[in-house]
């Protein structure tokens, strides 16, 4: 929600990031952080391919998880 409303100054508000196009669920914070660090090492085209495999239209997924 903070990204969508640009409540906190930073990357999201600076670059207009306001759509959730990919997310993963983990049992614990340590696993989620490890996965995030792994993804940050990936090349951009690999990340795009990951998103387009499950969300080819780059639809905003936030409404589906916020309700």
C-alpha atoms as a PDB file:
ATOM      1  CA  UNK A   1       0.000   0.000   0.000  1.00  0.00           C
ATOM      2  CA  UNK A   2       2.881   2.389   0.748  1.00  0.00           C
ATOM      3  CA  UNK A   3       4.159   1.982  -2.821  1.00  0.00           C
ATOM      4  CA  UNK A   4       0.741   2.646  -4.335  1.00  0.00           C
ATOM      5  CA  UNK A   5       0.177   5.795  -2.286  1.00  0.00           C
ATOM      6  CA  UNK A   6       3.845   6.871  -2.443  1.00  0.00           C
ATOM      7  CA  UNK A   7       3.684   7.366   1.325  1.00  0.00           C
ATOM      8  CA  UNK A   8       7.416   6.887   1.832  1.00  0.00           C
ATOM      9  CA  UNK A   9       9.976   8.803  -0.211  1.00  0.00           C
ATOM     10  CA  UNK A  10      12.359   6.545  -2.082  1.00  0.00           C
ATOM     11  CA  UNK A  11      12.634   4.252  -5.084  1.00  0.00           C
ATOM     12  CA  UNK A  12       8.895   3.631  -5.555  1.00  0.00           C
ATOM     13  CA  UNK A  13       7.894   7.278  -5.457  1.00  0.00           C
ATOM     14  CA  UNK A  14      10.911   8.419  -7.490  1.00  0.00           C
ATOM     15  CA  UNK A  15      10.311   5.949 -10.336  1.00  0.00           C
ATOM     16  CA  UNK A  16       6.521   5.683 -10.225  1.00  0.00           C
ATOM     17  CA  UNK A  17       6.438   2.069  -9.072  1.00  0.00           C
ATOM     18  CA  UNK A  18       2.829   1.441  -8.104  1.00  0.00           C
ATOM     19  CA  UNK A  19       1.841  -1.942  -9.584  1.00  0.00           C
ATOM     20  CA  UNK A  20       2.349  -5.368  -8.034  1.00  0.00           C
ATOM     21  CA  UNK A  21       3.111  -7.729 -10.930  1.00  0.00           C
ATOM     22  CA  UNK A  22       4.832 -10.567  -9.036  1.00  0.00           C
ATOM     23  CA  UNK A  23       4.913 -11.908  -5.509  1.00  0.00           C
ATOM     24  CA  UNK A  24       5.926 -15.070  -3.706  1.00  0.00           C
ATOM     25  CA  UNK A  25       4.794 -16.344  -0.312  1.00  0.00           C
ATOM     26  CA  UNK A  26       7.173 -17.872   2.229  1.00  0.00           C
ATOM     27  CA  UNK A  27       6.693 -19.462   5.621  1.00  0.00           C
ATOM     28  CA  UNK A  28       9.235 -17.252   7.383  1.00  0.00           C
ATOM     29  CA  UNK A  29      11.100 -13.988   6.945  1.00  0.00           C
ATOM     30  CA  UNK A  30      14.521 -15.629   6.603  1.00  0.00           C
ATOM     31  CA  UNK A  31      13.390 -17.634   3.554  1.00  0.00           C
ATOM     32  CA  UNK A  32      11.774 -14.564   1.987  1.00  0.00           C
ATOM     33  CA  UNK A  33      14.905 -12.467   2.501  1.00  0.00           C
ATOM     34  CA  UNK A  34      17.122 -15.212   1.050  1.00  0.00           C
ATOM     35  CA  UNK A  35      14.894 -15.392  -2.045  1.00  0.00           C
ATOM     36  CA  UNK A  36      14.876 -11.606  -2.431  1.00  0.00           C
ATOM     37  CA  UNK A  37      18.682 -11.542  -2.337  1.00  0.00           C
ATOM     38  CA  UNK A  38      18.770 -14.319  -4.936  1.00  0.00           C
ATOM     39  CA  UNK A  39      16.417 -12.450  -7.277  1.00  0.00           C
ATOM     40  CA  UNK A  40      18.382  -9.216  -6.919  1.00  0.00           C
ATOM     41  CA  UNK A  41      21.395 -10.981  -8.442  1.00  0.00           C
ATOM     42  CA  UNK A  42      19.417 -12.032 -11.528  1.00  0.00           C
ATOM     43  CA  UNK A  43      19.724 -10.208 -14.823  1.00  0.00           C
ATOM     44  CA  UNK A  44      16.766  -8.003 -15.802  1.00  0.00           C
ATOM     45  CA  UNK A  45      15.697 -10.250 -18.694  1.00  0.00           C
ATOM     46  CA  UNK A  46      15.510 -13.251 -16.338  1.00  0.00           C
ATOM     47  CA  UNK A  47      13.248 -11.292 -13.993  1.00  0.00           C
ATOM     48  CA  UNK A  48      11.020 -10.216 -16.886  1.00  0.00           C
ATOM     49  CA  UNK A  49      10.730 -13.822 -18.056  1.00  0.00           C
ATOM     50  CA  UNK A  50       9.774 -14.910 -14.523  1.00  0.00           C
ATOM     51  CA  UNK A  51       6.984 -12.310 -14.409  1.00  0.00           C
ATOM     52  CA  UNK A  52       5.701 -13.027 -17.917  1.00  0.00           C
ATOM     53  CA  UNK A  53       5.444 -16.775 -17.287  1.00  0.00           C
ATOM     54  CA  UNK A  54       2.708 -16.196 -14.701  1.00  0.00           C
ATOM     55  CA  UNK A  55       1.511 -12.679 -15.483  1.00  0.00           C
ATOM     56  CA  UNK A  56       1.990 -12.107 -19.228  1.00  0.00           C
ATOM     57  CA  UNK A  57      -0.218  -9.012 -19.273  1.00  0.00           C
ATOM     58  CA  UNK A  58       1.603  -7.410 -16.337  1.00  0.00           C
ATOM     59  CA  UNK A  59      -1.748  -7.048 -14.562  1.00  0.00           C
ATOM     60  CA  UNK A  60      -1.776  -5.401 -11.131  1.00  0.00           C
ATOM     61  CA  UNK A  61      -2.104  -8.258  -8.624  1.00  0.00           C
ATOM     62  CA  UNK A  62      -2.656  -6.056  -5.574  1.00  0.00           C
ATOM     63  CA  UNK A  63      -6.494  -5.926  -5.749  1.00  0.00           C
ATOM     64  CA  UNK A  64      -6.615  -9.733  -5.665  1.00  0.00           C
ATOM     65  CA  UNK A  65      -4.583 -10.036  -2.476  1.00  0.00           C
ATOM     66  CA  UNK A  66      -5.881  -6.912  -0.708  1.00  0.00           C
ATOM     67  CA  UNK A  67      -9.502  -7.994  -0.517  1.00  0.00           C
END
